Protein backbone atom coordinates (compact mmCIF):
# COMPACT_ATOMS: atom_id res chain seq x y z
CA MET A 1 -14.62 -25.34 -23.25
CA GLY A 2 -10.90 -25.03 -22.76
CA LYS A 3 -11.13 -21.99 -20.49
CA ARG A 4 -13.92 -23.42 -18.42
CA ASN A 5 -11.65 -26.62 -17.42
CA SER A 6 -8.98 -24.25 -16.78
CA GLN A 7 -11.14 -22.39 -14.33
CA ARG A 8 -12.54 -25.44 -12.79
CA LYS A 9 -8.82 -26.38 -12.19
CA SER A 10 -8.42 -23.00 -10.61
CA ALA A 11 -11.29 -23.30 -8.63
CA ALA A 12 -10.31 -27.02 -7.16
CA MET A 13 -6.90 -25.46 -6.29
CA LEU A 14 -8.24 -22.08 -4.65
CA ASP A 15 -11.39 -23.29 -3.16
CA SER A 16 -11.43 -24.65 0.12
CA ASP A 17 -13.64 -24.57 3.25
CA ASP A 18 -10.44 -24.15 5.66
CA ASP A 19 -9.61 -20.63 5.97
CA SER A 20 -6.28 -21.27 7.31
CA SER A 21 -5.06 -22.57 3.87
CA SER A 22 -2.03 -20.13 2.93
CA VAL A 23 -0.15 -19.19 0.42
CA SER A 24 3.76 -18.57 1.13
CA SER A 25 5.91 -16.89 -1.24
CA SER A 26 9.69 -17.15 -1.57
CA SER A 27 11.57 -13.72 -2.57
CA THR A 28 14.13 -15.85 -4.77
CA SER A 29 12.69 -19.08 -5.56
CA ARG A 30 10.18 -19.60 -8.52
CA THR A 31 8.01 -21.92 -6.58
CA ASP A 32 5.21 -21.22 -3.82
CA GLN A 33 3.86 -23.59 -1.51
CA VAL A 34 0.19 -23.91 -1.33
CA SER A 35 -1.71 -25.56 1.60
CA ILE A 36 -4.76 -27.56 0.26
CA SER A 37 -7.51 -28.70 2.72
CA GLY A 38 -5.39 -30.69 4.79
CA ASN A 39 -1.89 -31.57 5.12
CA GLU A 40 -1.08 -32.15 1.56
CA GLU A 41 1.26 -29.60 -0.03
CA VAL A 42 1.79 -29.17 -3.96
CA HIS A 43 4.41 -27.16 -5.22
CA PHE A 44 3.40 -24.72 -8.23
CA ASP A 45 5.31 -22.80 -10.45
CA GLN A 46 4.49 -19.05 -9.42
CA ASP A 47 3.76 -17.97 -12.90
CA ALA A 48 1.37 -20.70 -13.01
CA LEU A 49 -0.26 -20.04 -9.87
CA LEU A 50 -0.97 -16.65 -10.83
CA ASP A 51 -2.45 -17.80 -13.76
CA GLN A 52 -4.76 -20.18 -12.27
CA ALA A 53 -5.91 -17.41 -9.67
CA LEU A 54 -6.45 -14.83 -12.46
CA ASP A 55 -8.76 -17.61 -13.91
CA ALA A 56 -10.41 -18.03 -10.81
CA LEU A 57 -11.49 -14.60 -10.50
CA ASP A 58 -14.31 -15.39 -13.25
CA GLU A 59 -15.73 -18.04 -10.80
CA LYS A 60 -19.25 -17.53 -9.49
CA ARG A 61 -18.69 -18.54 -6.17
CA GLY A 62 -17.13 -15.30 -4.15
CA SER A 63 -14.92 -17.55 -1.87
CA THR A 64 -13.18 -18.74 -4.75
CA ARG A 65 -12.39 -15.02 -5.92
CA GLU A 66 -11.49 -14.13 -2.47
CA ARG A 67 -8.74 -16.70 -2.38
CA ALA A 68 -7.87 -15.82 -5.90
CA LEU A 69 -7.12 -12.20 -4.84
CA SER A 70 -5.24 -13.37 -1.57
CA VAL A 71 -3.05 -15.44 -3.80
CA ILE A 72 -2.18 -12.43 -6.14
CA ILE A 73 -1.80 -10.08 -3.51
CA GLY A 74 0.64 -12.26 -1.80
CA ALA A 75 2.53 -12.69 -4.74
CA PHE A 76 2.80 -9.11 -5.52
CA SER A 77 3.56 -8.17 -2.21
CA SER A 78 6.66 -10.64 -2.17
CA ASN A 79 8.06 -10.70 -5.44
CA MET A 80 8.01 -8.01 -8.36
CA GLN A 81 6.00 -9.75 -10.83
CA HIS A 82 7.18 -7.82 -14.26
CA GLN A 83 6.88 -10.68 -16.28
CA PHE A 84 3.08 -11.60 -15.09
CA VAL A 85 2.07 -7.99 -15.74
CA ASP A 86 4.04 -7.77 -19.31
CA LYS A 87 1.69 -10.91 -20.26
CA LYS A 88 -1.75 -10.28 -18.06
CA PHE A 89 -1.96 -6.51 -16.87
CA ALA A 90 -4.79 -5.48 -18.77
CA THR A 91 -7.01 -8.58 -17.75
CA LEU A 92 -5.83 -8.50 -13.84
CA LEU A 93 -6.88 -4.61 -14.03
CA HIS A 94 -10.13 -5.09 -15.21
CA GLN A 95 -10.99 -8.40 -13.20
CA CYS A 96 -10.13 -6.27 -10.03
CA LEU A 97 -12.26 -3.29 -11.06
CA ALA A 98 -15.15 -5.61 -11.80
CA SER A 99 -15.15 -6.62 -8.23
CA ILE A 100 -15.42 -3.21 -7.24
CA LYS A 101 -18.06 -2.13 -9.63
CA LYS A 102 -20.30 -5.30 -8.63
CA GLY A 103 -20.85 -3.41 -5.47
CA SER A 104 -21.72 -4.48 -1.94
CA LYS A 105 -24.96 -6.60 -3.33
CA LYS A 106 -22.92 -8.62 -5.60
CA ALA A 107 -19.59 -8.77 -3.88
CA SER A 108 -18.51 -9.26 -0.44
CA ALA A 109 -16.84 -6.79 1.76
CA LYS A 110 -13.60 -8.44 1.81
CA GLU A 111 -13.76 -9.22 -2.15
CA ILE A 112 -14.07 -5.45 -2.91
CA ALA A 113 -11.27 -4.78 -0.22
CA LEU A 114 -8.70 -7.27 -1.76
CA ALA A 115 -9.52 -6.25 -5.22
CA SER A 116 -8.62 -2.53 -4.28
CA HIS A 117 -5.41 -3.59 -2.58
CA ALA A 118 -4.55 -5.68 -5.51
CA ILE A 119 -4.68 -2.70 -7.90
CA GLY A 120 -2.67 -0.62 -5.59
CA LEU A 121 0.07 -3.36 -5.48
CA LEU A 122 -0.28 -3.70 -9.43
CA THR A 123 0.25 0.02 -9.64
CA LEU A 124 3.39 0.39 -7.69
CA THR A 125 4.89 -2.87 -9.52
CA VAL A 126 4.29 -0.80 -12.96
CA GLY A 127 5.79 2.04 -11.48
CA CYS A 128 4.97 5.87 -12.91
CA GLY A 129 7.76 5.48 -16.05
CA ASP A 130 5.27 2.92 -17.27
CA SER A 131 2.04 3.80 -19.41
CA HIS A 132 0.39 1.23 -17.33
CA ALA A 133 0.18 3.34 -14.25
CA ARG A 134 -1.54 5.86 -16.21
CA GLU A 135 -4.16 3.56 -17.48
CA ILE A 136 -4.60 2.14 -14.01
CA PHE A 137 -5.21 5.80 -12.75
CA GLU A 138 -7.61 6.67 -15.51
CA GLU A 139 -9.54 3.35 -15.72
CA SER A 140 -10.08 3.09 -11.52
CA VAL A 141 -10.81 6.89 -10.31
CA ARG A 142 -14.35 7.03 -11.59
CA PRO A 143 -15.12 3.38 -10.17
CA LEU A 144 -13.60 4.15 -6.53
CA ASP A 145 -15.38 7.68 -6.44
CA ASP A 146 -18.55 6.05 -7.48
CA PHE A 147 -18.28 3.61 -4.63
CA LEU A 148 -17.11 6.13 -1.86
CA THR A 149 -19.97 8.44 -2.71
CA SER A 150 -22.48 5.64 -2.61
CA LYS A 151 -21.05 4.59 0.68
CA SER A 152 -22.90 1.21 0.25
CA ASN A 153 -20.63 -0.55 2.69
CA LEU A 154 -18.58 1.76 5.19
CA THR A 155 -16.21 -1.53 5.83
CA ASN A 156 -14.81 -1.51 2.48
CA ILE A 157 -13.88 2.21 2.41
CA PRO A 158 -10.12 1.83 3.98
CA SER A 159 -8.97 -0.37 1.40
CA LEU A 160 -10.73 1.75 -1.46
CA LEU A 161 -9.05 5.07 0.03
CA GLU A 162 -5.57 3.52 0.29
CA CYS A 163 -6.04 2.18 -3.54
CA LEU A 164 -7.13 5.90 -4.45
CA ALA A 165 -4.03 7.50 -2.92
CA ILE A 166 -1.80 4.77 -4.43
CA ILE A 167 -2.95 4.86 -7.92
CA THR A 168 -3.00 8.84 -7.71
CA PHE A 169 0.44 9.12 -6.37
CA VAL A 170 2.00 6.69 -9.07
CA GLY A 171 -0.11 7.46 -12.07
CA GLY A 172 -1.49 11.10 -11.48
CA ASN A 173 -0.02 13.38 -13.96
CA ASP A 174 -0.24 16.84 -12.42
CA GLN A 175 -1.62 18.68 -9.48
CA GLU A 176 -5.19 19.07 -10.70
CA GLU A 177 -5.38 15.42 -10.51
CA THR A 178 -3.81 14.99 -6.81
CA ASP A 179 -6.46 17.89 -5.54
CA ARG A 180 -9.15 16.09 -7.22
CA SER A 181 -8.21 12.72 -5.55
CA MET A 182 -7.73 14.65 -2.46
CA ASP A 183 -11.14 16.13 -2.61
CA ILE A 184 -12.93 12.81 -3.16
CA LEU A 185 -11.21 11.62 0.10
CA TRP A 186 -12.28 14.54 2.16
CA ARG A 187 -15.78 14.47 0.99
CA VAL A 188 -15.87 10.84 2.57
CA ILE A 189 -15.58 12.71 6.06
CA HIS A 190 -17.11 15.77 4.76
CA PRO A 191 -20.00 15.02 2.51
CA ARG A 192 -21.62 17.38 0.05
CA LEU A 193 -24.99 17.46 1.80
CA GLY A 194 -28.04 17.52 -0.46
CA SER A 195 -32.04 18.00 0.26
CA ASN A 196 -32.27 14.27 0.37
CA VAL A 197 -28.83 13.42 2.09
CA VAL A 198 -28.31 12.76 5.89
CA ALA A 199 -25.20 13.65 7.51
CA VAL A 200 -23.58 10.38 8.76
CA LYS A 201 -21.12 10.82 11.70
CA PRO A 202 -17.83 8.95 10.33
CA SER A 203 -15.92 6.32 12.82
CA ALA A 204 -12.74 7.24 14.49
CA PRO A 205 -11.01 4.41 12.30
CA LEU A 206 -12.65 6.07 8.98
CA ILE A 207 -11.39 9.46 10.03
CA THR A 208 -7.83 8.12 10.65
CA VAL A 209 -7.57 6.63 7.16
CA VAL A 210 -9.12 9.13 5.18
CA VAL A 211 -6.77 11.90 6.93
CA SER A 212 -3.91 9.62 6.79
CA ALA A 213 -4.27 9.19 2.72
CA TRP A 214 -4.97 12.75 2.44
CA THR A 215 -1.70 13.69 3.95
CA PHE A 216 -0.13 11.13 1.83
CA LEU A 217 -1.19 12.96 -1.30
CA LEU A 218 -0.74 16.28 0.27
CA SER A 219 2.92 15.44 0.78
CA THR A 220 3.64 15.10 -2.81
CA MET A 221 2.30 18.60 -3.73
CA SER A 222 4.81 21.49 -4.23
CA GLY A 223 2.94 24.20 -5.88
CA LEU A 224 -0.27 24.84 -4.38
CA LYS A 225 -3.63 26.24 -5.58
CA LEU A 226 -4.05 28.84 -2.55
CA ASN A 227 -7.48 29.24 -1.54
CA SER A 228 -7.23 30.49 1.94
CA LYS A 229 -10.91 29.98 3.01
CA ASN A 230 -10.58 26.05 2.20
CA TRP A 231 -7.29 26.05 4.11
CA GLN A 232 -8.74 27.86 6.96
CA ASN A 233 -11.44 25.27 6.99
CA SER A 234 -9.07 22.26 6.57
CA ILE A 235 -6.45 23.42 9.48
CA SER A 236 -9.61 24.43 11.71
CA TYR A 237 -10.99 21.05 11.51
CA LEU A 238 -7.60 19.05 11.88
CA SER A 239 -7.39 21.02 14.94
CA SER A 240 -10.70 19.85 16.28
CA LEU A 241 -9.52 16.12 15.50
CA LEU A 242 -6.57 16.89 18.17
CA ASP A 243 -9.03 17.13 20.81
CA LYS A 244 -10.85 13.79 20.11
CA GLU A 245 -10.81 10.71 22.41
CA ASP A 246 -9.14 8.43 19.73
CA ARG A 247 -5.45 8.56 20.04
CA SER A 248 -4.93 7.34 16.23
CA VAL A 249 -7.30 10.39 15.15
CA ARG A 250 -5.16 12.78 17.01
CA ILE A 251 -1.91 11.19 15.37
CA ALA A 252 -3.12 11.34 11.95
CA ALA A 253 -4.68 15.06 12.52
CA GLY A 254 -0.99 15.96 13.75
CA GLU A 255 0.94 14.71 11.05
CA ALA A 256 -1.34 16.38 8.70
CA LEU A 257 -0.83 19.83 10.19
CA ALA A 258 2.85 19.06 10.12
CA VAL A 259 2.75 18.73 6.65
CA ILE A 260 0.45 21.63 5.88
CA PHE A 261 2.98 23.74 7.75
CA GLU A 262 5.88 22.27 6.22
CA ILE A 263 5.01 23.01 2.75
CA GLY A 264 4.29 26.91 3.71
CA ILE A 265 0.64 27.45 3.37
CA ILE A 266 0.59 30.36 5.87
CA GLU A 267 4.00 31.80 4.28
CA LYS A 268 2.66 31.60 0.52
CA ILE A 269 -0.56 33.00 1.70
CA SER A 270 1.22 35.99 3.38
CA ALA A 271 3.54 36.60 0.52
CA ASP A 272 0.31 36.64 -1.87
CA SER A 273 -1.40 39.04 0.53
CA LYS A 274 1.59 41.41 0.13
CA GLY A 275 2.44 41.11 -3.53
CA GLY A 276 -1.19 41.46 -4.60
CA THR A 277 -0.99 38.30 -6.83
CA ASP A 278 -4.28 36.76 -8.22
CA MET A 279 -5.70 34.39 -6.16
CA ILE A 280 -9.27 32.65 -5.79
CA GLN A 281 -10.77 34.29 -2.91
CA GLU A 282 -13.94 33.71 -1.11
CA GLY A 283 -15.14 36.23 1.40
CA SER A 284 -12.62 38.04 3.41
CA ASN A 285 -9.43 39.62 1.89
CA LEU A 286 -6.09 38.04 2.20
CA GLN A 287 -4.87 40.17 4.87
CA GLU A 288 -7.59 38.73 7.23
CA SER A 289 -7.19 35.33 6.00
CA TYR A 290 -3.37 35.50 7.11
CA THR A 291 -4.43 36.98 10.28
CA HIS A 292 -7.02 34.03 10.94
CA LEU A 293 -4.54 31.57 9.81
CA GLN A 294 -1.73 32.73 12.15
CA GLY A 295 -4.41 32.70 14.96
CA LEU A 296 -5.13 29.19 13.99
CA LYS A 297 -1.55 27.83 14.16
CA GLY A 298 -1.07 29.55 17.65
CA LYS A 299 -3.93 27.34 18.74
CA VAL A 300 -2.54 24.34 17.01
CA ILE A 301 0.93 24.95 18.70
CA ASN A 302 -1.02 24.84 22.39
CA GLN A 303 -2.78 21.67 21.34
CA VAL A 304 0.46 20.33 20.30
CA LYS A 305 2.28 21.24 23.72
CA ASN A 306 -0.43 19.48 25.60
CA LEU A 307 -0.54 16.48 23.81
CA SER A 308 3.20 16.32 23.93
CA VAL A 309 3.21 15.61 27.73
CA GLU A 310 -0.35 14.06 28.19
CA ALA A 311 -0.34 12.02 31.56
CA GLY A 312 -2.38 9.45 29.99
CA GLY A 313 -6.19 8.54 30.64
CA LYS A 314 -7.25 10.38 27.49
CA GLY A 315 -7.93 7.63 24.80
CA SER A 316 -8.12 3.84 25.37
CA ALA A 317 -4.90 2.65 23.34
CA LYS A 318 -2.62 3.27 26.55
CA LYS A 319 0.06 1.53 24.40
CA ASP A 320 -0.01 4.37 21.84
CA LEU A 321 0.72 6.91 24.42
CA ASN A 322 4.50 7.24 24.13
CA SER A 323 4.47 6.98 20.29
CA GLN A 324 1.91 9.99 20.60
CA ARG A 325 4.20 11.97 22.92
CA ASN A 326 7.25 11.36 20.73
CA LEU A 327 5.23 12.50 17.56
CA PHE A 328 3.94 15.60 19.10
CA ARG A 329 7.22 16.33 20.73
CA ASP A 330 8.78 16.41 17.12
CA ILE A 331 5.62 18.60 15.80
CA LEU A 332 6.33 20.93 18.69
CA GLU A 333 10.21 21.13 17.80
CA PHE A 334 9.30 21.52 14.06
CA PHE A 335 6.92 24.72 14.98
CA GLU A 336 9.27 26.38 17.29
CA TYR A 337 12.83 25.71 15.77
CA GLY A 338 12.02 24.60 12.11
CA TYR A 339 13.58 20.97 12.68
CA SER A 340 11.88 18.17 10.98
CA PRO A 341 12.51 14.40 12.20
CA GLU A 342 15.25 12.41 10.66
CA ILE A 343 14.56 8.96 10.18
CA SER A 344 17.11 6.18 9.28
CA MET A 345 16.11 2.35 8.62
CA LYS A 346 18.01 -0.40 7.34
CA ILE A 347 16.80 -2.05 4.11
CA GLY A 348 19.30 -5.11 3.95
CA GLY A 349 22.71 -3.87 4.12
CA ASP A 350 21.89 -0.29 3.12
CA SER A 351 20.21 2.80 5.08
CA LEU A 352 17.25 4.42 4.01
CA GLN A 353 16.91 7.97 5.21
CA THR A 354 14.30 10.76 5.57
CA THR A 355 14.65 14.30 6.51
CA SER A 356 11.31 16.03 6.31
CA TRP A 357 7.63 15.27 7.30
CA SER A 358 6.66 14.82 3.76
CA GLN A 359 9.13 11.72 3.27
CA MET A 360 8.41 10.24 6.63
CA ILE A 361 4.62 10.37 5.79
CA GLN A 362 5.21 8.74 2.49
CA LEU A 363 7.41 6.03 3.96
CA ASN A 364 4.90 5.05 6.92
CA PHE A 365 1.94 5.03 4.22
CA LEU A 366 3.96 2.55 1.96
CA LYS A 367 5.12 0.63 4.88
CA HIS A 368 1.76 0.27 5.56
CA PHE A 369 0.34 -0.91 2.46
CA LEU A 370 3.20 -3.03 1.53
CA GLY A 371 3.42 -4.82 5.05
CA GLY A 372 5.72 -7.51 5.07
CA GLY A 373 6.67 -6.92 1.22
CA PHE A 374 8.08 -3.60 1.87
CA ILE A 375 11.76 -4.71 2.35
CA LYS A 376 11.49 -6.55 -0.58
CA HIS A 377 10.05 -3.67 -2.93
CA MET A 378 12.60 -1.51 -1.58
CA GLN A 379 15.49 -3.87 -2.74
CA GLU A 380 13.89 -4.30 -6.37
CA ASN A 381 11.32 -1.63 -7.08
CA GLU A 382 13.06 0.98 -8.96
CA PHE A 383 10.10 3.49 -8.75
CA LEU A 384 10.24 3.33 -4.49
CA GLN A 385 13.77 3.58 -4.81
CA ASP A 386 13.67 6.81 -7.06
CA VAL A 387 10.98 8.17 -4.44
CA PHE A 388 13.05 7.79 -1.51
CA ASN A 389 16.52 8.65 -3.56
CA PHE A 390 17.74 4.95 -2.22
CA THR A 391 20.01 2.96 -4.31
CA PRO A 392 21.07 -0.37 -2.79
CA ARG A 393 24.59 -1.33 -3.16
CA ARG A 394 23.99 -4.70 -4.81
CA ARG A 395 20.59 -3.40 -7.03
CA TYR A 396 20.40 -6.69 -8.71
CA LEU A 397 22.05 -9.71 -9.02
CA SER A 398 23.38 -11.14 -12.42
CA ASN A 399 21.42 -13.88 -14.11
CA ASN A 400 23.31 -16.75 -13.10
CA GLU A 401 23.66 -15.81 -9.25
CA HIS A 402 21.09 -17.09 -6.43
CA ARG A 403 20.93 -15.61 -3.18
CA MET A 404 19.07 -17.31 -0.60
CA SER A 405 17.87 -16.36 2.79
CA SER A 406 18.81 -18.32 5.77
CA GLY A 407 15.37 -19.62 5.98
CA GLU A 408 15.71 -20.73 2.51
CA LYS A 409 19.06 -22.30 2.97
CA ARG A 410 17.55 -24.29 6.17
CA MET A 411 14.88 -25.26 3.89
CA PHE A 412 17.06 -26.29 1.15
CA LYS A 413 19.36 -28.43 3.43
CA SER A 414 16.41 -30.14 4.88
CA PRO A 415 16.35 -33.93 4.32
CA ASN A 416 12.61 -33.48 3.45
CA SER A 417 12.98 -30.66 1.20
CA VAL A 418 11.99 -31.24 -2.71
CA GLN A 419 15.51 -29.44 -3.89
CA ASN A 420 17.46 -31.76 -1.42
CA LYS A 421 15.79 -35.03 -2.55
CA ALA A 422 16.35 -34.05 -6.08
CA ARG A 423 19.98 -33.51 -5.09
CA THR A 424 20.20 -36.71 -3.46
CA GLN A 425 18.70 -38.68 -6.29
CA LEU A 426 21.16 -37.02 -8.72
CA LEU A 427 24.23 -37.96 -6.49
CA ASN A 428 23.10 -41.49 -6.30
CA LYS A 429 22.42 -41.67 -9.89
CA GLN A 430 26.23 -40.23 -10.70
CA ARG A 431 27.42 -42.61 -7.92
CA LEU A 432 25.66 -45.78 -9.63
CA LEU A 433 27.17 -44.70 -12.94
CA SER A 434 30.60 -44.59 -11.72
CA GLU A 435 30.32 -47.65 -9.89
CA GLY A 436 29.15 -49.34 -12.99
CA ARG A 437 31.85 -48.09 -14.93
CA ASN A 438 34.37 -49.17 -12.52
CA LEU A 439 33.00 -52.71 -12.87
CA GLY A 440 33.21 -52.62 -16.39
CA HIS A 441 29.53 -52.87 -17.44
CA TYR A 442 26.92 -50.41 -18.41
CA ALA A 443 24.54 -49.40 -15.54
CA ALA A 444 22.40 -46.75 -17.09
CA ASN A 445 19.20 -49.25 -17.52
CA MET A 446 19.37 -49.88 -13.76
CA VAL A 447 19.43 -46.19 -12.80
CA ASP A 448 16.80 -45.34 -14.89
CA ASP A 449 14.28 -47.87 -13.74
């Protein structure tokens, strides 16, 4: 009975027909501001808000569950929710998985996408040093694979693909598990066709997301299981994508090829062909495979040259033309001279640097996934700091310190802010008490009224 009452309160808080209702989280304050159907604003303690959102995931109404997931995503993006995870990890994980397992017949595309994103954020929050990350991976891979294989609703797939990549990146134990997740991703655009399976041509946005997630996982692999036939097929397919009309597809394919050649696929196959080591082989011998891969690399270099000086007109997103040119100039320089792009970005007062294609791919993927929460996570998420070898000069504040952003300072100083009103009331109370003492009589009763 108590649980149902709690759920009703959660539903009342989260359920609104106004899609513009929003949640804004402060990176340092423990209160969030929630707009509910109109201009009424209520301040909730963030932990209580997350508890209510978690309860609301049991509600029958889909829009309520969607709003609850949005609240959870906002909170996990903008803050490190370690205390909440310590208490409610298992419940949150299984509620999100329940949304995915319902499938498109019982859950909306939006709910499934939000649940997938929430699982990814939960994984980044716990980090790889925690057994929770392993549990997320083991519990989530099968439902994600089942959903992706069923292809019941293609609009859900981008978030599911990114979720699979994130949970493998953090919770996968070895190369075999990473390889398996990469295979799941690849099958989305290259399904294993059976007698009753009809091939469906994947859309350009879907190809872009698959290739980006696949490359993200490839960037983590040091030792590789070299099946030369498979690598020939992969490089040949990615080369064909460089000729596609969609610019985002060409960029994703170019980045994938840069990582493939950076980790030395061709050189490793060449070394194995000369050394006579055991390797899985399908069809041609190693020397033939090496020769064929060298030919493919030559073709790719010519394509990259053309794309680095493209005059425009190919692809509709003209605004991305300069980005494409710059990217393929970097790829060409890498192919010809071995120079990888170096990126430096400011995180607060500190500098985060990358010096390889693999690091750049990881940085861009995680920036995209975390969105506006990326800076906050880089400042406080030790797992991500370890990934990029990034140590802020002021990693943590002492328990008694409180750093406010300029926006929070303005809010605090505003005469209408709750904090400022409380401060004013306290000062008034102290002044009245002081005046009472000066007049020689007790003023506490007057103040308390």
